[in-house]
Amino acid sequence: MKIKIEDHGRFIVYILAGSMDDQWAKKFNRRILFELEEKAGVYRRRFDVILDMAGISALSDAAAGALKEISRNLEKQEIGLAVCKLEPEIAAVFKKTDALPEEKIFPSIFAAELALSAIRNE
């Protein structure tokens, strides 16, 4: 599993690649929450998170569950979450596990940024 992080101003974009399996799930949840807490302290600004999943080759049910938990944790902190660029087999796992509602899934980073901005009325 590889993770690249890009700062898009109001958005933190995690570009994910590789296989998201059971071992990955809990580690990523802790890591992303730690990093976001750290960024909130440094940036002192509101931001939302976008997960670019174009490079994901496999997604386990446990990893999908971790994404659902990440979404809940971010909502508690009033941080929006969107995922984008799902391959059809990854989208099928999302649908089967009810990992995230469809309104949080987008075809591109740009579409996710537009939707998150609209939610914040920007």
PDB file of N, CA and C in Angstrom:
ATOM      1  N   MET A   1       0.843  -1.178   0.000  1.00  0.00           N
ATOM      2  CA  MET A   1       0.000   0.000   0.000  1.00  0.00           C
ATOM      3  C   MET A   1       0.883   1.234   0.000  1.00  0.00           C
ATOM      4  N   LYS A   2       0.646   2.108  -0.948  1.00  0.00           N
ATOM      5  CA  LYS A   2       1.392   3.362  -1.032  1.00  0.00           C
ATOM      6  C   LYS A   2       0.423   4.522  -0.882  1.00  0.00           C
ATOM      7  N   ILE A   3       0.894   5.558  -0.193  1.00  0.00           N
ATOM      8  CA  ILE A   3       0.078   6.748   0.029  1.00  0.00           C
ATOM      9  C   ILE A   3       0.910   7.978  -0.312  1.00  0.00           C
ATOM     10  N   LYS A   4       0.343   8.831  -1.146  1.00  0.00           N
ATOM     11  CA  LYS A   4       0.954  10.124  -1.449  1.00  0.00           C
ATOM     12  C   LYS A   4      -0.047  11.181  -1.006  1.00  0.00           C
ATOM     13  N   ILE A   5       0.440  12.225  -0.345  1.00  0.00           N
ATOM     14  CA  ILE A   5      -0.447  13.265   0.161  1.00  0.00           C
ATOM     15  C   ILE A   5      -0.166  14.564  -0.584  1.00  0.00           C
ATOM     16  N   GLU A   6      -1.241  15.184  -1.084  1.00  0.00           N
ATOM     17  CA  GLU A   6      -1.132  16.470  -1.768  1.00  0.00           C
ATOM     18  C   GLU A   6      -2.020  17.491  -1.068  1.00  0.00           C
ATOM     19  N   ASP A   7      -1.507  18.696  -0.922  1.00  0.00           N
ATOM     20  CA  ASP A   7      -2.269  19.803  -0.345  1.00  0.00           C
ATOM     21  C   ASP A   7      -2.875  20.593  -1.490  1.00  0.00           C
ATOM     22  N   HIS A   8      -4.201  20.591  -1.564  1.00  0.00           N
ATOM     23  CA  HIS A   8      -4.923  21.333  -2.604  1.00  0.00           C
ATOM     24  C   HIS A   8      -5.637  22.526  -1.973  1.00  0.00           C
ATOM     25  N   GLY A   9      -4.953  23.248  -1.132  1.00  0.00           N
ATOM     26  CA  GLY A   9      -5.569  24.395  -0.475  1.00  0.00           C
ATOM     27  C   GLY A   9      -6.544  23.957   0.595  1.00  0.00           C
ATOM     28  N   ARG A  10      -7.828  24.024   0.289  1.00  0.00           N
ATOM     29  CA  ARG A  10      -8.851  23.626   1.252  1.00  0.00           C
ATOM     30  C   ARG A  10      -9.037  22.116   1.339  1.00  0.00           C
ATOM     31  N   PHE A  11      -8.314  21.385   0.511  1.00  0.00           N
ATOM     32  CA  PHE A  11      -8.478  19.932   0.462  1.00  0.00           C
ATOM     33  C   PHE A  11      -7.140  19.234   0.670  1.00  0.00           C
ATOM     34  N   ILE A  12      -7.170  18.164   1.438  1.00  0.00           N
ATOM     35  CA  ILE A  12      -6.018  17.287   1.565  1.00  0.00           C
ATOM     36  C   ILE A  12      -6.370  16.049   0.741  1.00  0.00           C
ATOM     37  N   VAL A  13      -5.566  15.758  -0.275  1.00  0.00           N
ATOM     38  CA  VAL A  13      -5.842  14.641  -1.172  1.00  0.00           C
ATOM     39  C   VAL A  13      -4.861  13.515  -0.874  1.00  0.00           C
ATOM     40  N   TYR A  14      -5.405  12.350  -0.548  1.00  0.00           N
ATOM     41  CA  TYR A  14      -4.610  11.139  -0.337  1.00  0.00           C
ATOM     42  C   TYR A  14      -4.706  10.315  -1.610  1.00  0.00           C
ATOM     43  N   ILE A  15      -3.587  10.129  -2.280  1.00  0.00           N
ATOM     44  CA  ILE A  15      -3.551   9.319  -3.494  1.00  0.00           C
ATOM     45  C   ILE A  15      -3.091   7.926  -3.076  1.00  0.00           C
ATOM     46  N   LEU A  16      -3.983   6.965  -3.183  1.00  0.00           N
ATOM     47  CA  LEU A  16      -3.752   5.613  -2.681  1.00  0.00           C
ATOM     48  C   LEU A  16      -3.447   4.658  -3.820  1.00  0.00           C
ATOM     49  N   ALA A  17      -2.522   3.735  -3.585  1.00  0.00           N
ATOM     50  CA  ALA A  17      -2.182   2.738  -4.595  1.00  0.00           C
ATOM     51  C   ALA A  17      -1.868   1.416  -3.917  1.00  0.00           C
ATOM     52  N   GLY A  18      -2.229   0.334  -4.582  1.00  0.00           N
ATOM     53  CA  GLY A  18      -1.941  -0.996  -4.063  1.00  0.00           C
ATOM     54  C   GLY A  18      -3.198  -1.699  -3.584  1.00  0.00           C
ATOM     55  N   SER A  19      -2.984  -2.657  -2.718  1.00  0.00           N
ATOM     56  CA  SER A  19      -4.067  -3.471  -2.190  1.00  0.00           C
ATOM     57  C   SER A  19      -4.440  -3.004  -0.790  1.00  0.00           C
ATOM     58  N   MET A  20      -5.724  -2.806  -0.566  1.00  0.00           N
ATOM     59  CA  MET A  20      -6.219  -2.397   0.750  1.00  0.00           C
ATOM     60  C   MET A  20      -6.807  -3.643   1.413  1.00  0.00           C
ATOM     61  N   ASP A  21      -5.999  -4.277   2.264  1.00  0.00           N
ATOM     62  CA  ASP A  21      -6.447  -5.509   2.900  1.00  0.00           C
ATOM     63  C   ASP A  21      -6.733  -5.292   4.391  1.00  0.00           C
ATOM     64  N   ASP A  22      -7.005  -6.386   5.096  1.00  0.00           N
ATOM     65  CA  ASP A  22      -7.378  -6.320   6.506  1.00  0.00           C
ATOM     66  C   ASP A  22      -6.282  -5.697   7.366  1.00  0.00           C
ATOM     67  N   GLN A  23      -5.024  -6.041   7.112  1.00  0.00           N
ATOM     68  CA  GLN A  23      -3.918  -5.488   7.896  1.00  0.00           C
ATOM     69  C   GLN A  23      -3.810  -3.984   7.686  1.00  0.00           C
ATOM     70  N   TRP A  24      -4.040  -3.564   6.477  1.00  0.00           N
ATOM     71  CA  TRP A  24      -3.945  -2.158   6.148  1.00  0.00           C
ATOM     72  C   TRP A  24      -5.016  -1.338   6.862  1.00  0.00           C
ATOM     73  N   ALA A  25      -6.206  -1.899   7.013  1.00  0.00           N
ATOM     74  CA  ALA A  25      -7.381  -1.152   7.446  1.00  0.00           C
ATOM     75  C   ALA A  25      -7.168  -0.366   8.735  1.00  0.00           C
ATOM     76  N   LYS A  26      -6.785  -1.029   9.789  1.00  0.00           N
ATOM     77  CA  LYS A  26      -6.644  -0.343  11.077  1.00  0.00           C
ATOM     78  C   LYS A  26      -5.467   0.618  11.086  1.00  0.00           C
ATOM     79  N   LYS A  27      -4.372   0.242  10.444  1.00  0.00           N
ATOM     80  CA  LYS A  27      -3.201   1.125  10.387  1.00  0.00           C
ATOM     81  C   LYS A  27      -3.547   2.429   9.683  1.00  0.00           C
ATOM     82  N   PHE A  28      -4.261   2.324   8.566  1.00  0.00           N
ATOM     83  CA  PHE A  28      -4.595   3.522   7.809  1.00  0.00           C
ATOM     84  C   PHE A  28      -5.534   4.415   8.607  1.00  0.00           C
ATOM     85  N   ASN A  29      -6.497   3.817   9.277  1.00  0.00           N
ATOM     86  CA  ASN A  29      -7.438   4.592  10.079  1.00  0.00           C
ATOM     87  C   ASN A  29      -6.679   5.419  11.123  1.00  0.00           C
ATOM     88  N   ARG A  30      -5.774   4.780  11.854  1.00  0.00           N
ATOM     89  CA  ARG A  30      -4.992   5.505  12.869  1.00  0.00           C
ATOM     90  C   ARG A  30      -4.116   6.564  12.216  1.00  0.00           C
ATOM     91  N   ARG A  31      -3.482   6.204  11.120  1.00  0.00           N
ATOM     92  CA  ARG A  31      -2.565   7.132  10.450  1.00  0.00           C
ATOM     93  C   ARG A  31      -3.280   8.367   9.937  1.00  0.00           C
ATOM     94  N   ILE A  32      -4.383   8.160   9.241  1.00  0.00           N
ATOM     95  CA  ILE A  32      -5.073   9.313   8.659  1.00  0.00           C
ATOM     96  C   ILE A  32      -5.607  10.228   9.762  1.00  0.00           C
ATOM     97  N   LEU A  33      -6.138   9.663  10.830  1.00  0.00           N
ATOM     98  CA  LEU A  33      -6.654  10.504  11.909  1.00  0.00           C
ATOM     99  C   LEU A  33      -5.539  11.284  12.585  1.00  0.00           C
ATOM    100  N   PHE A  34      -4.391  10.646  12.785  1.00  0.00           N
ATOM    101  CA  PHE A  34      -3.239  11.328  13.379  1.00  0.00           C
ATOM    102  C   PHE A  34      -2.769  12.465  12.472  1.00  0.00           C
ATOM    103  N   GLU A  35      -2.616  12.172  11.191  1.00  0.00           N
ATOM    104  CA  GLU A  35      -2.129  13.185  10.251  1.00  0.00           C
ATOM    105  C   GLU A  35      -3.091  14.355  10.138  1.00  0.00           C
ATOM    106  N   LEU A  36      -4.380  14.074  10.142  1.00  0.00           N
ATOM    107  CA  LEU A  36      -5.354  15.151  10.017  1.00  0.00           C
ATOM    108  C   LEU A  36      -5.376  16.022  11.271  1.00  0.00           C
ATOM    109  N   GLU A  37      -5.225  15.398  12.427  1.00  0.00           N
ATOM    110  CA  GLU A  37      -5.141  16.156  13.672  1.00  0.00           C
ATOM    111  C   GLU A  37      -3.925  17.078  13.633  1.00  0.00           C
ATOM    112  N   GLU A  38      -2.819  16.528  13.163  1.00  0.00           N
ATOM    113  CA  GLU A  38      -1.581  17.292  13.048  1.00  0.00           C
ATOM    114  C   GLU A  38      -1.748  18.449  12.061  1.00  0.00           C
ATOM    115  N   LYS A  39      -2.360  18.192  10.916  1.00  0.00           N
ATOM    116  CA  LYS A  39      -2.555  19.229   9.908  1.00  0.00           C
ATOM    117  C   LYS A  39      -3.499  20.317  10.410  1.00  0.00           C
ATOM    118  N   ALA A  40      -4.527  19.941  11.142  1.00  0.00           N
ATOM    119  CA  ALA A  40      -5.462  20.928  11.673  1.00  0.00           C
ATOM    120  C   ALA A  40      -4.734  21.899  12.593  1.00  0.00           C
ATOM    121  N   GLY A  41      -3.803  21.386  13.391  1.00  0.00           N
ATOM    122  CA  GLY A  41      -3.031  22.243  14.278  1.00  0.00           C
ATOM    123  C   GLY A  41      -2.078  23.146  13.531  1.00  0.00           C
ATOM    124  N   VAL A  42      -1.474  22.640  12.481  1.00  0.00           N
ATOM    125  CA  VAL A  42      -0.501  23.411  11.699  1.00  0.00           C
ATOM    126  C   VAL A  42      -1.211  24.453  10.829  1.00  0.00           C
ATOM    127  N   TYR A  43      -2.243  24.029  10.090  1.00  0.00           N
ATOM    128  CA  TYR A  43      -2.885  24.914   9.130  1.00  0.00           C
ATOM    129  C   TYR A  43      -3.833  25.919   9.778  1.00  0.00           C
ATOM    130  N   ARG A  44      -4.419  25.539  10.886  1.00  0.00           N
ATOM    131  CA  ARG A  44      -5.401  26.379  11.564  1.00  0.00           C
ATOM    132  C   ARG A  44      -6.461  26.893  10.579  1.00  0.00           C
ATOM    133  N   ARG A  45      -6.893  26.006   9.750  1.00  0.00           N
ATOM    134  CA  ARG A  45      -7.932  26.329   8.782  1.00  0.00           C
ATOM    135  C   ARG A  45      -8.801  25.103   8.562  1.00  0.00           C
ATOM    136  N   ARG A  46      -9.955  25.343   8.010  1.00  0.00           N
ATOM    137  CA  ARG A  46     -10.871  24.249   7.703  1.00  0.00           C
ATOM    138  C   ARG A  46     -10.423  23.564   6.423  1.00  0.00           C
ATOM    139  N   PHE A  47     -10.483  22.270   6.415  1.00  0.00           N
ATOM    140  CA  PHE A  47     -10.150  21.523   5.207  1.00  0.00           C
ATOM    141  C   PHE A  47     -10.990  20.262   5.159  1.00  0.00           C
ATOM    142  N   ASP A  48     -11.079  19.682   3.987  1.00  0.00           N
ATOM    143  CA  ASP A  48     -11.768  18.417   3.780  1.00  0.00           C
ATOM    144  C   ASP A  48     -10.790  17.438   3.161  1.00  0.00           C
ATOM    145  N   VAL A  49     -11.189  16.160   3.150  1.00  0.00           N
ATOM    146  CA  VAL A  49     -10.307  15.086   2.704  1.00  0.00           C
ATOM    147  C   VAL A  49     -10.893  14.406   1.472  1.00  0.00           C
ATOM    148  N   ILE A  50     -10.011  14.165   0.506  1.00  0.00           N
ATOM    149  CA  ILE A  50     -10.392  13.417  -0.699  1.00  0.00           C
ATOM    150  C   ILE A  50      -9.448  12.228  -0.827  1.00  0.00           C
ATOM    151  N   LEU A  51     -10.015  11.053  -0.990  1.00  0.00           N
ATOM    152  CA  LEU A  51      -9.231   9.843  -1.216  1.00  0.00           C
ATOM    153  C   LEU A  51      -9.303   9.492  -2.697  1.00  0.00           C
ATOM    154  N   ASP A  52      -8.173   9.618  -3.380  1.00  0.00           N
ATOM    155  CA  ASP A  52      -8.079   9.256  -4.796  1.00  0.00           C
ATOM    156  C   ASP A  52      -7.714   7.771  -4.845  1.00  0.00           C
ATOM    157  N   MET A  53      -8.652   6.945  -5.275  1.00  0.00           N
ATOM    158  CA  MET A  53      -8.477   5.497  -5.216  1.00  0.00           C
ATOM    159  C   MET A  53      -8.234   4.866  -6.581  1.00  0.00           C
ATOM    160  N   ALA A  54      -7.783   5.674  -7.543  1.00  0.00           N
ATOM    161  CA  ALA A  54      -7.545   5.144  -8.885  1.00  0.00           C
ATOM    162  C   ALA A  54      -6.511   4.026  -8.889  1.00  0.00           C
ATOM    163  N   GLY A  55      -5.540   4.074  -7.974  1.00  0.00           N
ATOM    164  CA  GLY A  55      -4.473   3.076  -7.944  1.00  0.00           C
ATOM    165  C   GLY A  55      -4.755   1.870  -7.081  1.00  0.00           C
ATOM    166  N   ILE A  56      -5.959   1.758  -6.567  1.00  0.00           N
ATOM    167  CA  ILE A  56      -6.296   0.629  -5.697  1.00  0.00           C
ATOM    168  C   ILE A  56      -6.638  -0.590  -6.555  1.00  0.00           C
ATOM    169  N   SER A  57      -5.903  -1.677  -6.307  1.00  0.00           N
ATOM    170  CA  SER A  57      -6.097  -2.892  -7.096  1.00  0.00           C
ATOM    171  C   SER A  57      -7.035  -3.886  -6.424  1.00  0.00           C
ATOM    172  N   ALA A  58      -7.160  -3.807  -5.096  1.00  0.00           N
ATOM    173  CA  ALA A  58      -8.050  -4.714  -4.358  1.00  0.00           C
ATOM    174  C   ALA A  58      -8.474  -4.038  -3.070  1.00  0.00           C
ATOM    175  N   LEU A  59      -9.697  -4.323  -2.641  1.00  0.00           N
ATOM    176  CA  LEU A  59     -10.248  -3.740  -1.418  1.00  0.00           C
ATOM    177  C   LEU A  59     -10.984  -4.828  -0.650  1.00  0.00           C
ATOM    178  N   SER A  60     -10.527  -5.116   0.574  1.00  0.00           N
ATOM    179  CA  SER A  60     -11.201  -6.125   1.389  1.00  0.00           C
ATOM    180  C   SER A  60     -12.417  -5.507   2.078  1.00  0.00           C
ATOM    181  N   ASP A  61     -13.305  -6.347   2.553  1.00  0.00           N
ATOM    182  CA  ASP A  61     -14.465  -5.862   3.297  1.00  0.00           C
ATOM    183  C   ASP A  61     -14.024  -5.112   4.546  1.00  0.00           C
ATOM    184  N   ALA A  62     -12.972  -5.591   5.222  1.00  0.00           N
ATOM    185  CA  ALA A  62     -12.473  -4.932   6.432  1.00  0.00           C
ATOM    186  C   ALA A  62     -11.937  -3.537   6.104  1.00  0.00           C
ATOM    187  N   ALA A  63     -11.254  -3.401   4.991  1.00  0.00           N
ATOM    188  CA  ALA A  63     -10.737  -2.091   4.586  1.00  0.00           C
ATOM    189  C   ALA A  63     -11.892  -1.148   4.262  1.00  0.00           C
ATOM    190  N   ALA A  64     -12.935  -1.658   3.621  1.00  0.00           N
ATOM    191  CA  ALA A  64     -14.117  -0.839   3.349  1.00  0.00           C
ATOM    192  C   ALA A  64     -14.753  -0.397   4.663  1.00  0.00           C
ATOM    193  N   GLY A  65     -14.780  -1.295   5.644  1.00  0.00           N
ATOM    194  CA  GLY A  65     -15.293  -0.938   6.966  1.00  0.00           C
ATOM    195  C   GLY A  65     -14.450   0.143   7.631  1.00  0.00           C
ATOM    196  N   ALA A  66     -13.142   0.091   7.425  1.00  0.00           N
ATOM    197  CA  ALA A  66     -12.244   1.117   7.977  1.00  0.00           C
ATOM    198  C   ALA A  66     -12.544   2.475   7.354  1.00  0.00           C
ATOM    199  N   LEU A  67     -12.845   2.480   6.058  1.00  0.00           N
ATOM    200  CA  LEU A  67     -13.197   3.736   5.397  1.00  0.00           C
ATOM    201  C   LEU A  67     -14.484   4.312   5.974  1.00  0.00           C
ATOM    202  N   LYS A  68     -15.417   3.440   6.295  1.00  0.00           N
ATOM    203  CA  LYS A  68     -16.666   3.886   6.916  1.00  0.00           C
ATOM    204  C   LYS A  68     -16.385   4.496   8.294  1.00  0.00           C
ATOM    205  N   GLU A  69     -15.489   3.865   9.047  1.00  0.00           N
ATOM    206  CA  GLU A  69     -15.111   4.382  10.363  1.00  0.00           C
ATOM    207  C   GLU A  69     -14.385   5.726  10.231  1.00  0.00           C
ATOM    208  N   ILE A  70     -13.498   5.837   9.250  1.00  0.00           N
ATOM    209  CA  ILE A  70     -12.803   7.104   8.999  1.00  0.00           C
ATOM    210  C   ILE A  70     -13.826   8.196   8.708  1.00  0.00           C
ATOM    211  N   SER A  71     -14.812   7.891   7.879  1.00  0.00           N
ATOM    212  CA  SER A  71     -15.849   8.861   7.538  1.00  0.00           C
ATOM    213  C   SER A  71     -16.580   9.336   8.794  1.00  0.00           C
ATOM    214  N   ARG A  72     -16.956   8.412   9.660  1.00  0.00           N
ATOM    215  CA  ARG A  72     -17.648   8.788  10.903  1.00  0.00           C
ATOM    216  C   ARG A  72     -16.761   9.663  11.782  1.00  0.00           C
ATOM    217  N   ASN A  73     -15.492   9.296  11.915  1.00  0.00           N
ATOM    218  CA  ASN A  73     -14.574  10.075  12.745  1.00  0.00           C
ATOM    219  C   ASN A  73     -14.362  11.479  12.186  1.00  0.00           C
ATOM    220  N   LEU A  74     -14.271  11.595  10.879  1.00  0.00           N
ATOM    221  CA  LEU A  74     -14.092  12.910  10.264  1.00  0.00           C
ATOM    222  C   LEU A  74     -15.340  13.767  10.440  1.00  0.00           C
ATOM    223  N   GLU A  75     -16.512  13.152  10.314  1.00  0.00           N
ATOM    224  CA  GLU A  75     -17.762  13.893  10.504  1.00  0.00           C
ATOM    225  C   GLU A  75     -17.830  14.495  11.897  1.00  0.00           C
ATOM    226  N   LYS A  76     -17.371  13.758  12.901  1.00  0.00           N
ATOM    227  CA  LYS A  76     -17.359  14.266  14.279  1.00  0.00           C
ATOM    228  C   LYS A  76     -16.503  15.529  14.390  1.00  0.00           C
ATOM    229  N   GLN A  77     -15.477  15.625  13.546  1.00  0.00           N
ATOM    230  CA  GLN A  77     -14.583  16.785  13.554  1.00  0.00           C
ATOM    231  C   GLN A  77     -14.997  17.831  12.523  1.00  0.00           C
ATOM    232  N   GLU A  78     -16.154  17.629  11.901  1.00  0.00           N
ATOM    233  CA  GLU A  78     -16.674  18.515  10.860  1.00  0.00           C
ATOM    234  C   GLU A  78     -15.728  18.620   9.669  1.00  0.00           C
ATOM    235  N   ILE A  79     -15.105  17.499   9.324  1.00  0.00           N
ATOM    236  CA  ILE A  79     -14.240  17.397   8.151  1.00  0.00           C
ATOM    237  C   ILE A  79     -14.972  16.536   7.129  1.00  0.00           C
ATOM    238  N   GLY A  80     -15.134  17.077   5.940  1.00  0.00           N
ATOM    239  CA  GLY A  80     -15.812  16.332   4.880  1.00  0.00           C
ATOM    240  C   GLY A  80     -14.896  15.281   4.272  1.00  0.00           C
ATOM    241  N   LEU A  81     -15.489  14.214   3.756  1.00  0.00           N
ATOM    242  CA  LEU A  81     -14.741  13.151   3.095  1.00  0.00           C
ATOM    243  C   LEU A  81     -15.405  12.814   1.773  1.00  0.00           C
ATOM    244  N   ALA A  82     -14.579  12.651   0.753  1.00  0.00           N
ATOM    245  CA  ALA A  82     -15.055  12.180  -0.546  1.00  0.00           C
ATOM    246  C   ALA A  82     -14.032  11.187  -1.085  1.00  0.00           C
ATOM    247  N   VAL A  83     -14.492  10.227  -1.861  1.00  0.00           N
ATOM    248  CA  VAL A  83     -13.586   9.311  -2.545  1.00  0.00           C
ATOM    249  C   VAL A  83     -13.835   9.470  -4.040  1.00  0.00           C
ATOM    250  N   CYS A  84     -12.789   9.202  -4.824  1.00  0.00           N
ATOM    251  CA  CYS A  84     -12.963   9.359  -6.262  1.00  0.00           C
ATOM    252  C   CYS A  84     -12.137   8.327  -7.014  1.00  0.00           C
ATOM    253  N   LYS A  85     -12.490   8.208  -8.292  1.00  0.00           N
ATOM    254  CA  LYS A  85     -11.792   7.358  -9.255  1.00  0.00           C
ATOM    255  C   LYS A  85     -11.812   5.877  -8.873  1.00  0.00           C
ATOM    256  N   LEU A  86     -12.980   5.371  -8.493  1.00  0.00           N
ATOM    257  CA  LEU A  86     -13.107   3.958  -8.145  1.00  0.00           C
ATOM    258  C   LEU A  86     -13.183   3.098  -9.396  1.00  0.00           C
ATOM    259  N   GLU A  87     -12.372   2.055  -9.434  1.00  0.00           N
ATOM    260  CA  GLU A  87     -12.496   1.051 -10.493  1.00  0.00           C
ATOM    261  C   GLU A  87     -13.796   0.270 -10.231  1.00  0.00           C
ATOM    262  N   PRO A  88     -14.394  -0.324 -11.263  1.00  0.00           N
ATOM    263  CA  PRO A  88     -15.674  -1.017 -11.082  1.00  0.00           C
ATOM    264  C   PRO A  88     -15.666  -2.084  -9.978  1.00  0.00           C
ATOM    265  N   GLU A  89     -14.574  -2.875  -9.884  1.00  0.00           N
ATOM    266  CA  GLU A  89     -14.555  -3.917  -8.846  1.00  0.00           C
ATOM    267  C   GLU A  89     -14.447  -3.321  -7.442  1.00  0.00           C
ATOM    268  N   ILE A  90     -13.802  -2.172  -7.313  1.00  0.00           N
ATOM    269  CA  ILE A  90     -13.701  -1.493  -6.015  1.00  0.00           C
ATOM    270  C   ILE A  90     -15.052  -0.865  -5.669  1.00  0.00           C
ATOM    271  N   ALA A  91     -15.696  -0.280  -6.656  1.00  0.00           N
ATOM    272  CA  ALA A  91     -17.026   0.296  -6.456  1.00  0.00           C
ATOM    273  C   ALA A  91     -18.013  -0.783  -6.004  1.00  0.00           C
ATOM    274  N   ALA A  92     -17.864  -2.000  -6.526  1.00  0.00           N
ATOM    275  CA  ALA A  92     -18.747  -3.109  -6.135  1.00  0.00           C
ATOM    276  C   ALA A  92     -18.573  -3.449  -4.651  1.00  0.00           C
ATOM    277  N   VAL A  93     -17.341  -3.414  -4.166  1.00  0.00           N
ATOM    278  CA  VAL A  93     -17.099  -3.675  -2.736  1.00  0.00           C
ATOM    279  C   VAL A  93     -17.726  -2.562  -1.901  1.00  0.00           C
ATOM    280  N   PHE A  94     -17.579  -1.311  -2.343  1.00  0.00           N
ATOM    281  CA  PHE A  94     -18.204  -0.187  -1.636  1.00  0.00           C
ATOM    282  C   PHE A  94     -19.710  -0.400  -1.525  1.00  0.00           C
ATOM    283  N   LYS A  95     -20.310  -0.798  -2.640  1.00  0.00           N
ATOM    284  CA  LYS A  95     -21.764  -0.993  -2.652  1.00  0.00           C
ATOM    285  C   LYS A  95     -22.166  -2.171  -1.760  1.00  0.00           C
ATOM    286  N   LYS A  96     -21.449  -3.284  -1.861  1.00  0.00           N
ATOM    287  CA  LYS A  96     -21.771  -4.488  -1.089  1.00  0.00           C
ATOM    288  C   LYS A  96     -21.655  -4.238   0.415  1.00  0.00           C
ATOM    289  N   THR A  97     -20.644  -3.488   0.821  1.00  0.00           N
ATOM    290  CA  THR A  97     -20.389  -3.266   2.248  1.00  0.00           C
ATOM    291  C   THR A  97     -21.036  -2.000   2.785  1.00  0.00           C
ATOM    292  N   ASP A  98     -21.642  -1.214   1.896  1.00  0.00           N
ATOM    293  CA  ASP A  98     -22.223   0.069   2.287  1.00  0.00           C
ATOM    294  C   ASP A  98     -21.169   0.940   2.976  1.00  0.00           C
ATOM    295  N   ALA A  99     -19.952   0.937   2.412  1.00  0.00           N
ATOM    296  CA  ALA A  99     -18.820   1.644   3.015  1.00  0.00           C
ATOM    297  C   ALA A  99     -19.064   3.144   3.114  1.00  0.00           C
ATOM    298  N   LEU A 100     -19.550   3.725   2.052  1.00  0.00           N
ATOM    299  CA  LEU A 100     -19.849   5.162   2.040  1.00  0.00           C
ATOM    300  C   LEU A 100     -21.101   5.391   1.214  1.00  0.00           C
ATOM    301  N   PRO A 101     -21.870   6.416   1.565  1.00  0.00           N
ATOM    302  CA  PRO A 101     -23.039   6.729   0.730  1.00  0.00           C
ATOM    303  C   PRO A 101     -22.601   7.196  -0.659  1.00  0.00           C
ATOM    304  N   GLU A 102     -23.437   6.968  -1.635  1.00  0.00           N
ATOM    305  CA  GLU A 102     -23.104   7.314  -3.017  1.00  0.00           C
ATOM    306  C   GLU A 102     -22.777   8.797  -3.196  1.00  0.00           C
ATOM    307  N   GLU A 103     -23.355   9.658  -2.353  1.00  0.00           N
ATOM    308  CA  GLU A 103     -23.103  11.095  -2.504  1.00  0.00           C
ATOM    309  C   GLU A 103     -21.692  11.505  -2.078  1.00  0.00           C
ATOM    310  N   LYS A 104     -20.903  10.546  -1.580  1.00  0.00           N
ATOM    311  CA  LYS A 104     -19.512  10.820  -1.230  1.00  0.00           C
ATOM    312  C   LYS A 104     -18.535  10.214  -2.237  1.00  0.00           C
ATOM    313  N   ILE A 105     -19.051   9.665  -3.329  1.00  0.00           N
ATOM    314  CA  ILE A 105     -18.225   9.004  -4.345  1.00  0.00           C
ATOM    315  C   ILE A 105     -18.306   9.795  -5.650  1.00  0.00           C
ATOM    316  N   PHE A 106     -17.133  10.118  -6.217  1.00  0.00           N
ATOM    317  CA  PHE A 106     -17.070  10.997  -7.381  1.00  0.00           C
ATOM    318  C   PHE A 106     -16.132  10.431  -8.452  1.00  0.00           C
ATOM    319  N   PRO A 107     -16.326  10.855  -9.700  1.00  0.00           N
ATOM    320  CA  PRO A 107     -15.478  10.347 -10.779  1.00  0.00           C
ATOM    321  C   PRO A 107     -14.086  10.984 -10.821  1.00  0.00           C
ATOM    322  N   SER A 108     -13.917  12.174 -10.200  1.00  0.00           N
ATOM    323  CA  SER A 108     -12.636  12.870 -10.270  1.00  0.00           C
ATOM    324  C   SER A 108     -12.386  13.695  -9.012  1.00  0.00           C
ATOM    325  N   ILE A 109     -11.144  14.098  -8.828  1.00  0.00           N
ATOM    326  CA  ILE A 109     -10.807  14.980  -7.708  1.00  0.00           C
ATOM    327  C   ILE A 109     -11.562  16.296  -7.853  1.00  0.00           C
ATOM    328  N   PHE A 110     -11.600  16.830  -9.057  1.00  0.00           N
ATOM    329  CA  PHE A 110     -12.282  18.096  -9.302  1.00  0.00           C
ATOM    330  C   PHE A 110     -13.757  18.019  -8.907  1.00  0.00           C
ATOM    331  N   ALA A 111     -14.433  16.941  -9.296  1.00  0.00           N
ATOM    332  CA  ALA A 111     -15.851  16.772  -8.948  1.00  0.00           C
ATOM    333  C   ALA A 111     -16.026  16.695  -7.430  1.00  0.00           C
ATOM    334  N   ALA A 112     -15.110  16.005  -6.759  1.00  0.00           N
ATOM    335  CA  ALA A 112     -15.168  15.912  -5.292  1.00  0.00           C
ATOM    336  C   ALA A 112     -14.961  17.278  -4.657  1.00  0.00           C
ATOM    337  N   GLU A 113     -13.992  18.045  -5.177  1.00  0.00           N
ATOM    338  CA  GLU A 113     -13.747  19.391  -4.650  1.00  0.00           C
ATOM    339  C   GLU A 113     -14.979  20.281  -4.826  1.00  0.00           C
ATOM    340  N   LEU A 114     -15.614  20.213  -5.994  1.00  0.00           N
ATOM    341  CA  LEU A 114     -16.811  21.012  -6.236  1.00  0.00           C
ATOM    342  C   LEU A 114     -17.930  20.652  -5.259  1.00  0.00           C
ATOM    343  N   ALA A 115     -18.151  19.370  -5.065  1.00  0.00           N
ATOM    344  CA  ALA A 115     -19.225  18.926  -4.179  1.00  0.00           C
ATOM    345  C   ALA A 115     -18.948  19.319  -2.732  1.00  0.00           C
ATOM    346  N   LEU A 116     -17.722  19.113  -2.271  1.00  0.00           N
ATOM    347  CA  LEU A 116     -17.384  19.481  -0.898  1.00  0.00           C
ATOM    348  C   LEU A 116     -17.483  20.996  -0.696  1.00  0.00           C
ATOM    349  N   SER A 117     -17.097  21.760  -1.695  1.00  0.00           N
ATOM    350  CA  SER A 117     -17.202  23.221  -1.617  1.00  0.00           C
ATOM    351  C   SER A 117     -18.665  23.649  -1.548  1.00  0.00           C
ATOM    352  N   ALA A 118     -19.509  22.987  -2.328  1.00  0.00           N
ATOM    353  CA  ALA A 118     -20.941  23.324  -2.329  1.00  0.00           C
ATOM    354  C   ALA A 118     -21.566  23.038  -0.969  1.00  0.00           C
ATOM    355  N   ILE A 119     -21.126  21.947  -0.338  1.00  0.00           N
ATOM    356  CA  ILE A 119     -21.651  21.618   0.996  1.00  0.00           C
ATOM    357  C   ILE A 119     -21.309  22.721   1.987  1.00  0.00           C
ATOM    358  N   ARG A 120     -20.119  23.293   1.826  1.00  0.00           N
ATOM    359  CA  ARG A 120     -19.658  24.364   2.716  1.00  0.00           C
ATOM    360  C   ARG A 120     -20.125  25.740   2.232  1.00  0.00           C
ATOM    361  N   ASN A 121     -20.889  25.748   1.125  1.00  0.00           N
ATOM    362  CA  ASN A 121     -21.404  26.997   0.546  1.00  0.00           C
ATOM    363  C   ASN A 121     -20.293  27.975   0.189  1.00  0.00           C
ATOM    364  N   GLU A 122     -19.260  27.476  -0.457  1.00  0.00           N
ATOM    365  CA  GLU A 122     -18.146  28.358  -0.847  1.00  0.00           C
ATOM    366  C   GLU A 122     -18.206  28.662  -2.324  1.00  0.00           C
TER     367      GLU A 122
END
